[in-house]
C-alpha atoms as a PDB file:
ATOM      1  CA  MET A   1      48.158   7.230   4.238  1.00  0.00           C
ATOM      2  CA  SER A   2      46.314   6.549   7.468  1.00  0.00           C
ATOM      3  CA  ALA A   3      42.714   7.607   7.941  1.00  0.00           C
ATOM      4  CA  PRO A   4      42.103  10.568  10.229  1.00  0.00           C
ATOM      5  CA  ASN A   5      41.021   9.761  13.755  1.00  0.00           C
ATOM      6  CA  VAL A   6      37.337  10.610  13.464  1.00  0.00           C
ATOM      7  CA  PRO A   7      34.933   9.332  16.112  1.00  0.00           C
ATOM      8  CA  ASP A   8      32.616   6.620  14.863  1.00  0.00           C
ATOM      9  CA  VAL A   9      29.000   7.564  14.325  1.00  0.00           C
ATOM     10  CA  GLU A  10      26.589   5.035  15.807  1.00  0.00           C
ATOM     11  CA  LYS A  11      23.215   4.687  14.179  1.00  0.00           C
ATOM     12  CA  ASP A  12      21.598   4.465  17.564  1.00  0.00           C
ATOM     13  CA  HIS A  13      23.571   7.175  19.298  1.00  0.00           C
ATOM     14  CA  ALA A  14      21.644   7.208  22.565  1.00  0.00           C
ATOM     15  CA  GLY A  15      23.979   6.961  25.529  1.00  0.00           C
ATOM     16  CA  SER A  16      27.133   7.155  23.387  1.00  0.00           C
ATOM     17  CA  ASP A  17      30.309   8.912  24.399  1.00  0.00           C
ATOM     18  CA  SER A  18      33.548  10.037  22.805  1.00  0.00           C
ATOM     19  CA  VAL A  19      35.687   7.869  25.072  1.00  0.00           C
ATOM     20  CA  ASN A  20      34.255   4.643  23.661  1.00  0.00           C
ATOM     21  CA  GLY A  21      34.631   5.851  20.083  1.00  0.00           C
ATOM     22  CA  LYS A  22      31.026   6.906  19.683  1.00  0.00           C
ATOM     23  CA  TYR A  23      29.891  10.367  18.822  1.00  0.00           C
ATOM     24  CA  ASP A  24      28.119  12.094  21.701  1.00  0.00           C
ATOM     25  CA  LEU A  25      25.583  14.609  20.440  1.00  0.00           C
ATOM     26  CA  HIS A  26      25.472  16.252  23.870  1.00  0.00           C
ATOM     27  CA  HIS A  27      29.247  16.500  24.429  1.00  0.00           C
ATOM     28  CA  ASP A  28      30.532  19.912  25.480  1.00  0.00           C
ATOM     29  CA  HIS A  29      33.171  20.144  22.730  1.00  0.00           C
ATOM     30  CA  HIS A  30      31.228  18.990  19.685  1.00  0.00           C
ATOM     31  CA  ASN A  31      30.215  21.057  16.666  1.00  0.00           C
ATOM     32  CA  GLU A  32      26.431  20.788  16.627  1.00  0.00           C
ATOM     33  CA  GLU A  33      26.005  21.389  12.877  1.00  0.00           C
ATOM     34  CA  THR A  34      28.640  18.802  12.009  1.00  0.00           C
ATOM     35  CA  ALA A  35      27.128  16.313  14.441  1.00  0.00           C
ATOM     36  CA  LEU A  36      23.635  16.640  12.999  1.00  0.00           C
ATOM     37  CA  ARG A  37      24.946  16.352   9.451  1.00  0.00           C
ATOM     38  CA  ARG A  38      26.843  13.158  10.313  1.00  0.00           C
ATOM     39  CA  ILE A  39      23.846  11.667  12.055  1.00  0.00           C
ATOM     40  CA  ARG A  40      21.557  12.513   9.127  1.00  0.00           C
ATOM     41  CA  THR A  41      24.041  10.881   6.762  1.00  0.00           C
ATOM     42  CA  ALA A  42      23.985   7.757   8.887  1.00  0.00           C
ATOM     43  CA  GLY A  43      20.185   7.739   8.749  1.00  0.00           C
ATOM     44  CA  SER A  44      19.950   7.857  12.515  1.00  0.00           C
ATOM     45  CA  ILE A  45      17.672  10.782  13.309  1.00  0.00           C
ATOM     46  CA  SER A  46      14.677   9.504  15.223  1.00  0.00           C
ATOM     47  CA  ILE A  47      11.587  10.427  13.230  1.00  0.00           C
ATOM     48  CA  THR A  48       8.288  11.267  14.860  1.00  0.00           C
ATOM     49  CA  PRO A  49       5.425   8.749  14.913  1.00  0.00           C
ATOM     50  CA  GLU A  50       3.524  11.025  12.496  1.00  0.00           C
ATOM     51  CA  LEU A  51       6.355  11.026   9.943  1.00  0.00           C
ATOM     52  CA  PHE A  52       6.950   7.297  10.403  1.00  0.00           C
ATOM     53  CA  GLU A  53       3.283   6.606   9.697  1.00  0.00           C
ATOM     54  CA  LYS A  54       3.352   8.858   6.630  1.00  0.00           C
ATOM     55  CA  ILE A  55       6.385   7.013   5.243  1.00  0.00           C
ATOM     56  CA  TYR A  56       5.425   3.419   6.085  1.00  0.00           C
ATOM     57  CA  LEU A  57       1.586   3.608   6.352  1.00  0.00           C
ATOM     58  CA  SER A  58       1.856   1.853   9.690  1.00  0.00           C
ATOM     59  CA  PRO A  59       1.921   3.010  13.321  1.00  0.00           C
ATOM     60  CA  LYS A  60       5.459   3.394  14.572  1.00  0.00           C
ATOM     61  CA  ASN A  61       6.751   0.099  15.931  1.00  0.00           C
ATOM     62  CA  ARG A  62      10.001  -1.185  17.354  1.00  0.00           C
ATOM     63  CA  VAL A  63      12.344  -3.626  15.674  1.00  0.00           C
ATOM     64  CA  SER A  64      15.340  -5.323  17.223  1.00  0.00           C
ATOM     65  CA  ASN A  65      17.825  -3.771  14.789  1.00  0.00           C
ATOM     66  CA  ASN A  66      18.402  -0.642  12.734  1.00  0.00           C
ATOM     67  CA  ILE A  67      17.416  -2.240   9.446  1.00  0.00           C
ATOM     68  CA  ARG A  68      15.225   0.682   8.382  1.00  0.00           C
ATOM     69  CA  SER A  69      18.381   2.804   8.142  1.00  0.00           C
ATOM     70  CA  THR A  70      19.939   0.210   5.823  1.00  0.00           C
ATOM     71  CA  PHE A  71      17.157  -0.494   3.332  1.00  0.00           C
ATOM     72  CA  GLY A  72      15.024   1.894   1.312  1.00  0.00           C
ATOM     73  CA  ASN A  73      11.313   2.354   1.903  1.00  0.00           C
ATOM     74  CA  PRO A  74       9.388  -0.192  -0.246  1.00  0.00           C
ATOM     75  CA  THR A  75       5.955   1.387   0.323  1.00  0.00           C
ATOM     76  CA  PRO A  76       5.996   3.690  -2.762  1.00  0.00           C
ATOM     77  CA  LEU A  77       6.963   0.727  -4.966  1.00  0.00           C
ATOM     78  CA  ALA A  78       3.917  -1.241  -3.831  1.00  0.00           C
ATOM     79  CA  LEU A  79       1.737   1.832  -4.336  1.00  0.00           C
ATOM     80  CA  VAL A  80       2.994   2.127  -7.928  1.00  0.00           C
ATOM     81  CA  GLY A  81       1.923  -1.461  -8.591  1.00  0.00           C
ATOM     82  CA  PHE A  82      -1.504  -0.796  -7.103  1.00  0.00           C
ATOM     83  CA  LEU A  83      -2.082   2.483  -8.939  1.00  0.00           C
ATOM     84  CA  LEU A  84      -0.825   1.380 -12.357  1.00  0.00           C
ATOM     85  CA  SER A  85      -3.274  -1.530 -12.175  1.00  0.00           C
ATOM     86  CA  LEU A  86      -6.334   0.060 -10.598  1.00  0.00           C
ATOM     87  CA  THR A  87      -6.277   3.379 -12.451  1.00  0.00           C
ATOM     88  CA  PRO A  88      -6.612   1.808 -15.926  1.00  0.00           C
ATOM     89  CA  LEU A  89      -9.203  -0.656 -14.587  1.00  0.00           C
ATOM     90  CA  SER A  90     -11.287   2.193 -13.175  1.00  0.00           C
ATOM     91  CA  ASN A  91     -11.252   3.886 -16.596  1.00  0.00           C
ATOM     92  CA  ILE A  92     -12.244   0.587 -18.223  1.00  0.00           C
ATOM     93  CA  LEU A  93     -15.156   0.101 -15.812  1.00  0.00           C
ATOM     94  CA  LEU A  94     -16.294   3.609 -16.688  1.00  0.00           C
ATOM     95  CA  GLY A  95     -16.203   2.629 -20.350  1.00  0.00           C
ATOM     96  CA  TRP A  96     -14.020   5.550 -21.382  1.00  0.00           C
ATOM     97  CA  ARG A  97     -13.051   5.643 -25.058  1.00  0.00           C
ATOM     98  CA  GLY A  98     -14.955   2.416 -25.700  1.00  0.00           C
ATOM     99  CA  ALA A  99     -12.923   0.330 -23.225  1.00  0.00           C
ATOM    100  CA  GLY A 100     -14.395  -2.836 -21.720  1.00  0.00           C
ATOM    101  CA  GLY A 101     -13.943  -6.567 -21.258  1.00  0.00           C
ATOM    102  CA  LEU A 102     -12.840  -6.228 -17.607  1.00  0.00           C
ATOM    103  CA  GLY A 103      -9.521  -4.924 -18.920  1.00  0.00           C
ATOM    104  CA  ALA A 104      -8.383  -8.184 -20.485  1.00  0.00           C
ATOM    105  CA  ALA A 105      -5.997  -6.145 -22.644  1.00  0.00           C
ATOM    106  CA  GLU A 106      -4.295  -5.038 -19.384  1.00  0.00           C
ATOM    107  CA  VAL A 107      -3.635  -8.562 -18.122  1.00  0.00           C
ATOM    108  CA  GLY A 108       0.140  -8.081 -18.353  1.00  0.00           C
ATOM    109  CA  VAL A 109      -0.173  -4.966 -16.200  1.00  0.00           C
ATOM    110  CA  TYR A 110      -2.118  -6.920 -13.587  1.00  0.00           C
ATOM    111  CA  TYR A 111       0.646  -9.536 -13.443  1.00  0.00           C
ATOM    112  CA  PHE A 112       3.762  -7.399 -13.503  1.00  0.00           C
ATOM    113  CA  PHE A 113       2.633  -4.180 -11.830  1.00  0.00           C
ATOM    114  CA  GLY A 114      -0.190  -5.246  -9.549  1.00  0.00           C
ATOM    115  CA  GLY A 115       1.111  -8.714  -8.780  1.00  0.00           C
ATOM    116  CA  LEU A 116       4.893  -8.511  -8.980  1.00  0.00           C
ATOM    117  CA  LEU A 117       5.491  -5.056  -7.517  1.00  0.00           C
ATOM    118  CA  MET A 118       2.983  -5.438  -4.694  1.00  0.00           C
ATOM    119  CA  VAL A 119       4.238  -8.871  -3.642  1.00  0.00           C
ATOM    120  CA  LEU A 120       7.816  -7.610  -3.796  1.00  0.00           C
ATOM    121  CA  GLY A 121       6.856  -4.552  -1.750  1.00  0.00           C
ATOM    122  CA  ALA A 122       5.048  -6.777   0.754  1.00  0.00           C
ATOM    123  CA  PHE A 123       8.124  -8.975   1.181  1.00  0.00           C
ATOM    124  CA  LEU A 124      10.318  -5.942   1.836  1.00  0.00           C
ATOM    125  CA  GLU A 125       7.800  -4.563   4.336  1.00  0.00           C
ATOM    126  CA  PHE A 126       8.028  -7.942   6.078  1.00  0.00           C
ATOM    127  CA  ILE A 127      11.823  -7.578   6.236  1.00  0.00           C
ATOM    128  CA  LEU A 128      11.439  -4.139   7.823  1.00  0.00           C
ATOM    129  CA  GLY A 129       8.968  -5.449  10.400  1.00  0.00           C
ATOM    130  CA  ASN A 130       5.946  -3.479   9.121  1.00  0.00           C
ATOM    131  CA  THR A 131       3.177  -6.038   9.556  1.00  0.00           C
ATOM    132  CA  PHE A 132       0.132  -4.054   8.420  1.00  0.00           C
ATOM    133  CA  PRO A 133       1.477  -2.836   5.047  1.00  0.00           C
ATOM    134  CA  PHE A 134       3.035  -6.290   4.541  1.00  0.00           C
ATOM    135  CA  VAL A 135      -0.385  -7.936   4.830  1.00  0.00           C
ATOM    136  CA  VAL A 136      -2.181  -5.252   2.784  1.00  0.00           C
ATOM    137  CA  PHE A 137       0.300  -5.254  -0.099  1.00  0.00           C
ATOM    138  CA  GLY A 138       0.640  -9.029  -0.091  1.00  0.00           C
ATOM    139  CA  SER A 139      -3.110  -9.598  -0.234  1.00  0.00           C
ATOM    140  CA  PHE A 140      -3.628  -7.036  -2.997  1.00  0.00           C
ATOM    141  CA  GLY A 141      -0.686  -8.436  -4.922  1.00  0.00           C
ATOM    142  CA  ALA A 142      -2.410 -11.811  -4.775  1.00  0.00           C
ATOM    143  CA  PHE A 143      -5.675 -10.164  -5.841  1.00  0.00           C
ATOM    144  CA  TRP A 144      -4.100  -8.760  -9.009  1.00  0.00           C
ATOM    145  CA  LEU A 145      -2.436 -12.085  -9.797  1.00  0.00           C
ATOM    146  CA  ALA A 146      -5.769 -13.875  -9.341  1.00  0.00           C
ATOM    147  CA  PHE A 147      -7.631 -11.254 -11.372  1.00  0.00           C
ATOM    148  CA  GLY A 148      -5.090 -11.471 -14.185  1.00  0.00           C
ATOM    149  CA  ALA A 149      -5.173 -15.267 -14.135  1.00  0.00           C
ATOM    150  CA  THR A 150      -8.977 -15.229 -14.387  1.00  0.00           C
ATOM    151  CA  LEU A 151      -8.690 -13.169 -17.576  1.00  0.00           C
ATOM    152  CA  THR A 152      -5.962 -15.404 -19.028  1.00  0.00           C
ATOM    153  CA  PRO A 153      -7.336 -18.110 -21.364  1.00  0.00           C
ATOM    154  CA  TYR A 154      -4.545 -20.520 -20.384  1.00  0.00           C
ATOM    155  CA  PHE A 155      -6.051 -20.924 -16.905  1.00  0.00           C
ATOM    156  CA  ASN A 156      -9.456 -21.764 -18.410  1.00  0.00           C
ATOM    157  CA  ALA A 157     -11.232 -19.891 -15.618  1.00  0.00           C
ATOM    158  CA  SER A 158     -14.146 -18.421 -17.565  1.00  0.00           C
ATOM    159  CA  ILE A 159     -13.974 -20.587 -20.682  1.00  0.00           C
ATOM    160  CA  ALA A 160     -14.754 -23.636 -18.549  1.00  0.00           C
ATOM    161  CA  TYR A 161     -18.293 -22.307 -18.138  1.00  0.00           C
ATOM    162  CA  ASP A 162     -18.993 -21.847 -21.855  1.00  0.00           C
ATOM    163  CA  PRO A 163     -16.457 -23.786 -23.941  1.00  0.00           C
ATOM    164  CA  ALA A 164     -18.595 -23.500 -27.055  1.00  0.00           C
ATOM    165  CA  HIS A 165     -18.436 -19.689 -27.009  1.00  0.00           C
ATOM    166  CA  PRO A 166     -15.148 -18.640 -25.366  1.00  0.00           C
ATOM    167  CA  ALA A 167     -15.580 -15.024 -26.476  1.00  0.00           C
ATOM    168  CA  GLN A 168     -18.746 -14.695 -24.355  1.00  0.00           C
ATOM    169  CA  SER A 169     -17.693 -16.953 -21.502  1.00  0.00           C
ATOM    170  CA  SER A 170     -16.968 -14.055 -19.141  1.00  0.00           C
ATOM    171  CA  SER A 171     -20.653 -13.100 -19.452  1.00  0.00           C
ATOM    172  CA  ASP A 172     -21.864 -16.612 -18.629  1.00  0.00           C
ATOM    173  CA  PRO A 173     -24.366 -16.426 -15.744  1.00  0.00           C
ATOM    174  CA  VAL A 174     -22.811 -19.245 -13.729  1.00  0.00           C
ATOM    175  CA  PHE A 175     -19.319 -17.828 -14.136  1.00  0.00           C
ATOM    176  CA  ALA A 176     -20.485 -14.323 -13.152  1.00  0.00           C
ATOM    177  CA  SER A 177     -22.392 -15.518 -10.069  1.00  0.00           C
ATOM    178  CA  THR A 178     -19.386 -17.559  -8.979  1.00  0.00           C
ATOM    179  CA  PHE A 179     -16.855 -14.791  -9.624  1.00  0.00           C
ATOM    180  CA  ALA A 180     -19.005 -12.355  -7.602  1.00  0.00           C
ATOM    181  CA  PHE A 181     -18.188 -14.100  -4.329  1.00  0.00           C
ATOM    182  CA  PHE A 182     -14.499 -13.242  -4.747  1.00  0.00           C
ATOM    183  CA  HIS A 183     -15.428  -9.554  -4.746  1.00  0.00           C
ATOM    184  CA  VAL A 184     -17.747 -10.011  -1.776  1.00  0.00           C
ATOM    185  CA  TYR A 185     -14.932 -11.246   0.413  1.00  0.00           C
ATOM    186  CA  MET A 186     -12.446  -8.746  -0.946  1.00  0.00           C
ATOM    187  CA  GLY A 187     -14.936  -6.174   0.344  1.00  0.00           C
ATOM    188  CA  VAL A 188     -14.946  -7.907   3.744  1.00  0.00           C
ATOM    189  CA  LEU A 189     -11.149  -7.846   3.760  1.00  0.00           C
ATOM    190  CA  CYS A 190     -11.085  -4.129   2.915  1.00  0.00           C
ATOM    191  CA  PHE A 191     -13.554  -3.439   5.722  1.00  0.00           C
ATOM    192  CA  ILE A 192     -11.133  -5.067   8.175  1.00  0.00           C
ATOM    193  CA  TYR A 193      -8.326  -2.958   6.697  1.00  0.00           C
ATOM    194  CA  PHE A 194     -10.541   0.109   7.092  1.00  0.00           C
ATOM    195  CA  ILE A 195     -10.861  -0.538  10.839  1.00  0.00           C
ATOM    196  CA  ILE A 196      -7.107  -1.126  11.251  1.00  0.00           C
ATOM    197  CA  ALA A 197      -6.266   1.956   9.174  1.00  0.00           C
ATOM    198  CA  LEU A 198      -7.982   4.172  11.756  1.00  0.00           C
ATOM    199  CA  ARG A 199      -4.603   4.173  13.514  1.00  0.00           C
ATOM    200  CA  THR A 200      -2.773   5.465  10.423  1.00  0.00           C
ATOM    201  CA  ASN A 201      -4.060   8.425   8.425  1.00  0.00           C
ATOM    202  CA  LEU A 202      -7.230   9.822   6.904  1.00  0.00           C
ATOM    203  CA  VAL A 203      -6.184   9.199   3.289  1.00  0.00           C
ATOM    204  CA  PHE A 204      -5.565   5.504   3.956  1.00  0.00           C
ATOM    205  CA  VAL A 205      -8.897   5.225   5.789  1.00  0.00           C
ATOM    206  CA  LEU A 206     -10.783   6.808   2.880  1.00  0.00           C
ATOM    207  CA  ILE A 207      -9.073   4.476   0.402  1.00  0.00           C
ATOM    208  CA  PHE A 208     -10.293   1.378   2.220  1.00  0.00           C
ATOM    209  CA  ALA A 209     -13.761   2.811   2.847  1.00  0.00           C
ATOM    210  CA  LEU A 210     -14.156   3.481  -0.872  1.00  0.00           C
ATOM    211  CA  LEU A 211     -12.746   0.059  -1.774  1.00  0.00           C
ATOM    212  CA  VAL A 212     -15.441  -1.581   0.369  1.00  0.00           C
ATOM    213  CA  ALA A 213     -18.073   0.273  -1.676  1.00  0.00           C
ATOM    214  CA  ALA A 214     -16.301  -0.533  -4.958  1.00  0.00           C
ATOM    215  CA  PHE A 215     -16.132  -4.273  -4.269  1.00  0.00           C
ATOM    216  CA  ALA A 216     -19.781  -4.219  -3.194  1.00  0.00           C
ATOM    217  CA  CYS A 217     -20.696  -2.674  -6.562  1.00  0.00           C
ATOM    218  CA  LEU A 218     -18.580  -5.200  -8.465  1.00  0.00           C
ATOM    219  CA  ALA A 219     -20.113  -8.111  -6.555  1.00  0.00           C
ATOM    220  CA  GLU A 220     -23.621  -6.855  -7.300  1.00  0.00           C
ATOM    221  CA  PHE A 221     -22.670  -6.267 -10.934  1.00  0.00           C
ATOM    222  CA  PHE A 222     -21.611  -9.905 -11.355  1.00  0.00           C
ATOM    223  CA  PHE A 223     -24.584 -11.219  -9.378  1.00  0.00           C
ATOM    224  CA  GLN A 224     -26.915  -9.341 -11.722  1.00  0.00           C
ATOM    225  CA  ILE A 225     -25.125 -10.778 -14.748  1.00  0.00           C
ATOM    226  CA  GLY A 226     -25.839 -14.161 -13.184  1.00  0.00           C
ATOM    227  CA  GLU A 227     -29.515 -13.195 -13.326  1.00  0.00           C
ATOM    228  CA  GLY A 228     -29.250 -12.174 -16.958  1.00  0.00           C
ATOM    229  CA  ILE A 229     -29.043  -8.417 -16.280  1.00  0.00           C
ATOM    230  CA  VAL A 230     -26.146  -6.264 -17.472  1.00  0.00           C
ATOM    231  CA  ASN A 231     -26.400  -3.207 -15.233  1.00  0.00           C
ATOM    232  CA  THR A 232     -23.971  -0.655 -16.633  1.00  0.00           C
ATOM    233  CA  THR A 233     -24.988   1.841 -13.937  1.00  0.00           C
ATOM    234  CA  ILE A 234     -23.487  -0.362 -11.220  1.00  0.00           C
ATOM    235  CA  GLN A 235     -20.434  -0.991 -13.403  1.00  0.00           C
ATOM    236  CA  HIS A 236     -19.900   2.739 -13.865  1.00  0.00           C
ATOM    237  CA  SER A 237     -20.442   3.298 -10.135  1.00  0.00           C
ATOM    238  CA  ALA A 238     -17.656   0.805  -9.399  1.00  0.00           C
ATOM    239  CA  GLY A 239     -15.473   2.602 -11.933  1.00  0.00           C
ATOM    240  CA  GLY A 240     -16.175   6.010 -10.419  1.00  0.00           C
ATOM    241  CA  ILE A 241     -15.475   4.835  -6.880  1.00  0.00           C
ATOM    242  CA  THR A 242     -12.233   3.117  -7.850  1.00  0.00           C
ATOM    243  CA  PHE A 243     -11.176   6.227  -9.757  1.00  0.00           C
ATOM    244  CA  ALA A 244     -11.678   8.236  -6.551  1.00  0.00           C
ATOM    245  CA  VAL A 245      -9.531   5.628  -4.773  1.00  0.00           C
ATOM    246  CA  CYS A 246      -6.836   6.172  -7.393  1.00  0.00           C
ATOM    247  CA  LEU A 247      -6.871   9.943  -6.914  1.00  0.00           C
ATOM    248  CA  LEU A 248      -6.272   9.426  -3.191  1.00  0.00           C
ATOM    249  CA  GLY A 249      -3.621   6.820  -3.949  1.00  0.00           C
ATOM    250  CA  TRP A 250      -1.737   9.102  -6.348  1.00  0.00           C
ATOM    251  CA  TYR A 251      -1.782  11.826  -3.705  1.00  0.00           C
ATOM    252  CA  LEU A 252      -0.428   9.409  -1.074  1.00  0.00           C
ATOM    253  CA  PHE A 253       2.252   8.213  -3.495  1.00  0.00           C
ATOM    254  CA  PHE A 254       3.286  11.818  -4.197  1.00  0.00           C
ATOM    255  CA  VAL A 255       3.477  12.586  -0.469  1.00  0.00           C
ATOM    256  CA  GLN A 256       5.638   9.528   0.144  1.00  0.00           C
ATOM    257  CA  LEU A 257       8.151  10.400  -2.562  1.00  0.00           C
ATOM    258  CA  LEU A 258       8.349  13.975  -1.292  1.00  0.00           C
ATOM    259  CA  ALA A 259       9.246  12.609   2.147  1.00  0.00           C
ATOM    260  CA  ALA A 260      11.707  10.137   0.618  1.00  0.00           C
ATOM    261  CA  VAL A 261      13.878  12.896  -0.875  1.00  0.00           C
ATOM    262  CA  ASP A 262      13.357  15.293   2.071  1.00  0.00           C
ATOM    263  CA  PHE A 263      11.551  17.738  -0.222  1.00  0.00           C
ATOM    264  CA  PRO A 264      10.742  21.072   1.467  1.00  0.00           C
ATOM    265  CA  LEU A 265       7.057  20.699   0.533  1.00  0.00           C
ATOM    266  CA  ASN A 266       5.210  18.947   3.346  1.00  0.00           C
ATOM    267  CA  LEU A 267       1.693  17.810   2.379  1.00  0.00           C
ATOM    268  CA  PRO A 268      -0.766  16.548   5.025  1.00  0.00           C
ATOM    269  CA  VAL A 269      -2.306  13.077   5.047  1.00  0.00           C
ATOM    270  CA  GLY A 270      -4.518  13.550   8.098  1.00  0.00           C
ATOM    271  CA  ASP A 271      -2.536  11.694  10.752  1.00  0.00           C
ATOM    272  CA  LEU A 272      -4.823   9.737  13.081  1.00  0.00           C
ATOM    273  CA  SER A 273      -2.253   7.966  15.256  1.00  0.00           C
ATOM    274  CA  ARG A 274      -2.319  10.803  17.769  1.00  0.00           C
ATOM    275  CA  TYR A 275      -6.058  10.349  18.329  1.00  0.00           C
ATOM    276  CA  ILE A 276      -6.245   6.558  18.605  1.00  0.00           C
ATOM    277  CA  LYS A 277      -3.498   5.517  20.962  1.00  0.00           C
ATOM    278  CA  GLY A 278      -2.074   2.004  20.921  1.00  0.00           C
ATOM    279  CA  ALA A 279      -2.868  -0.490  23.659  1.00  0.00           C
ATOM    280  CA  SER A 280       0.752  -0.561  24.866  1.00  0.00           C
ATOM    281  CA  GLU A 281       0.874   3.247  24.997  1.00  0.00           C
ATOM    282  CA  ARG A 282      -2.334   3.365  27.011  1.00  0.00           C
ATOM    283  CA  ALA A 283      -0.967   0.719  29.392  1.00  0.00           C
ATOM    284  CA  GLU A 284       2.195   2.758  29.967  1.00  0.00           C
ATOM    285  CA  LYS A 285       0.141   5.817  30.897  1.00  0.00           C
ATOM    286  CA  THR A 286      -1.967   3.914  33.398  1.00  0.00           C
ATOM    287  CA  GLU A 287       1.063   2.493  35.215  1.00  0.00           C
END
């Protein structure tokens, strides 16, 4: 039985016509409802820059193919890895229910949620041509892998400073002062992300602003341990700030999944792309 002669639906339907076998949305004899349904099925409706930014956490950019209509959105996957690692760590830093030890009991979570999922998400963002989330997720994936490795005895990161007392090695002054610099420059990195995120949305901006403060607290916490002072106030401050980051992150994750299934509930994220125009867009207006 031969297939019915149905015009092909092009994923980029601009300039198409029925004569060449492409479906023309503006043709006089088409059924508009059927046309829109076919185009939606093909994943070809052009989304607004605001919706694109909400879905991909990146200003809308152009790629040389229609690959975003072929692959799923990896951003929520990377967010899951980030949230399932940072949320428990924030509770641990707050000392809830007697938790402590920098979350050494969560080291598997740091590897397989924070590290694996975020690196995988970063790679898929790279495939889709989304540079900013690719760099953000890749760097934080590496952070969780490094953090987990530091807490893993096999790597001998902290034990090397106090081999006679491995149980207290993470509190060794030299180890703490050395480990603090990692958090200093993670704070610098998040500050750069904060500036770049001003072209995305308010939630993303607040996340990076709070992460700068959180890494500053963690760096100071370890520097003070290096001086023989265990300042639980700074530790709890870092925990509280990171917990606030997690609340924003869970909200962003929820918004993204709502958009992924075309849920009728549309929650705001505070789009900023309309206020800070790109350099290429400004150049086009001046010409």
